[in-house]
Protein backbone atom coordinates (compact mmCIF):
# COMPACT_ATOMS: atom_id res chain seq x y z
CA UNK A 1 9.94 -30.07 -4.56
CA UNK A 2 10.66 -26.51 -2.66
CA UNK A 3 11.38 -27.46 1.08
CA UNK A 4 11.62 -25.41 4.50
CA UNK A 5 11.05 -21.80 4.10
CA UNK A 6 12.69 -21.42 0.72
CA UNK A 7 8.95 -21.02 -0.57
CA UNK A 8 8.23 -18.41 1.45
CA UNK A 9 11.48 -16.93 -0.52
CA UNK A 10 10.23 -17.70 -3.81
CA UNK A 11 7.06 -15.55 -3.46
CA UNK A 12 8.21 -12.81 -1.61
CA UNK A 13 10.87 -12.36 -4.33
CA UNK A 14 7.99 -13.04 -6.88
CA UNK A 15 5.70 -10.58 -5.16
CA UNK A 16 9.06 -7.46 -4.92
CA UNK A 17 10.03 -8.34 -8.68
CA UNK A 18 6.05 -7.69 -10.11
CA UNK A 19 6.14 -4.88 -7.65
CA UNK A 20 9.80 -3.38 -9.38
CA UNK A 21 8.25 -4.05 -12.79
CA UNK A 22 4.94 -2.65 -12.89
CA UNK A 23 6.12 0.72 -10.85
CA UNK A 24 7.59 2.54 -13.38
CA UNK A 25 4.50 2.09 -15.48
CA UNK A 26 2.30 3.66 -12.92
CA UNK A 27 4.33 6.29 -12.56
CA UNK A 28 4.42 6.81 -16.62
CA UNK A 29 0.33 6.89 -16.92
CA UNK A 30 0.40 10.13 -14.42
CA UNK A 31 -3.06 11.71 -15.19
CA UNK A 32 -4.93 11.08 -17.95
CA UNK A 33 -7.83 13.46 -20.04
CA UNK A 34 -10.25 10.76 -18.03
CA UNK A 35 -9.37 12.69 -14.18
CA UNK A 36 -11.45 15.14 -12.91
CA UNK A 37 -10.81 18.94 -13.42
CA UNK A 38 -12.22 20.09 -10.03
CA UNK A 39 -13.15 18.95 -6.72
CA UNK A 40 -17.11 18.99 -5.58
CA UNK A 41 -16.09 20.21 -2.32
CA UNK A 42 -14.89 23.70 -3.57
CA UNK A 43 -18.32 24.06 -5.46
CA UNK A 44 -21.02 26.66 -4.10
CA UNK A 45 -18.12 29.26 -3.07
CA UNK A 46 -18.41 32.39 -5.20
CA UNK A 47 -14.09 32.93 -4.40
CA UNK A 48 -11.45 30.86 -5.77
CA UNK A 49 -11.09 28.53 -3.23
CA UNK A 50 -8.05 25.57 -3.10
CA UNK A 51 -8.28 22.25 -1.07
CA UNK A 52 -4.45 21.01 0.90
CA UNK A 53 -4.67 17.78 1.13
CA UNK A 54 -2.14 15.59 2.63
CA UNK A 55 -1.41 12.29 2.85
CA UNK A 56 0.27 11.55 6.22
CA UNK A 57 -2.57 9.88 7.88
CA UNK A 58 -2.20 7.07 5.17
CA UNK A 59 1.09 6.39 5.41
CA UNK A 60 1.23 6.38 9.32
CA UNK A 61 -1.87 3.84 8.29
CA UNK A 62 -0.43 1.41 6.09
CA UNK A 63 2.61 1.66 8.25
CA UNK A 64 0.28 0.67 10.96
CA UNK A 65 -0.84 -2.32 9.55
CA UNK A 66 2.56 -3.48 8.25
CA UNK A 67 3.38 -3.12 11.67
CA UNK A 68 0.59 -5.59 12.06
CA UNK A 69 0.97 -8.22 9.03
CA UNK A 70 4.14 -8.64 10.36
CA UNK A 71 3.52 -9.15 13.97
CA UNK A 72 0.92 -11.65 12.62
CA UNK A 73 4.54 -13.15 10.47
CA UNK A 74 7.21 -13.54 13.69
CA UNK A 75 4.29 -14.76 15.91
CA UNK A 76 5.63 -18.21 17.82
CA UNK A 77 3.29 -21.50 17.45
CA UNK A 78 4.23 -22.98 20.44
CA UNK A 79 3.15 -19.97 22.28
CA UNK A 80 0.03 -20.41 21.50
CA UNK A 81 -0.39 -23.95 22.29
CA UNK A 82 -2.61 -24.92 25.49
CA UNK A 83 -0.65 -27.78 26.66
């Protein structure tokens, strides 16, 4: 039986190994024939239009959610007690 904090290390280790194991397969998949070849936002223009996209705000949101999640892990339970 795993006691104390060891079970958390096992869970984190399992999740990390799963992510590392399957990240190569996801990258190797690349684009497929099922991907759309046009963007609906560019329809209706007389000339060729290209939409420049950025994922910067998405990364900021991921970092923000990570900080919130990690802060919940390190919260002191004694501080929340009403006694």
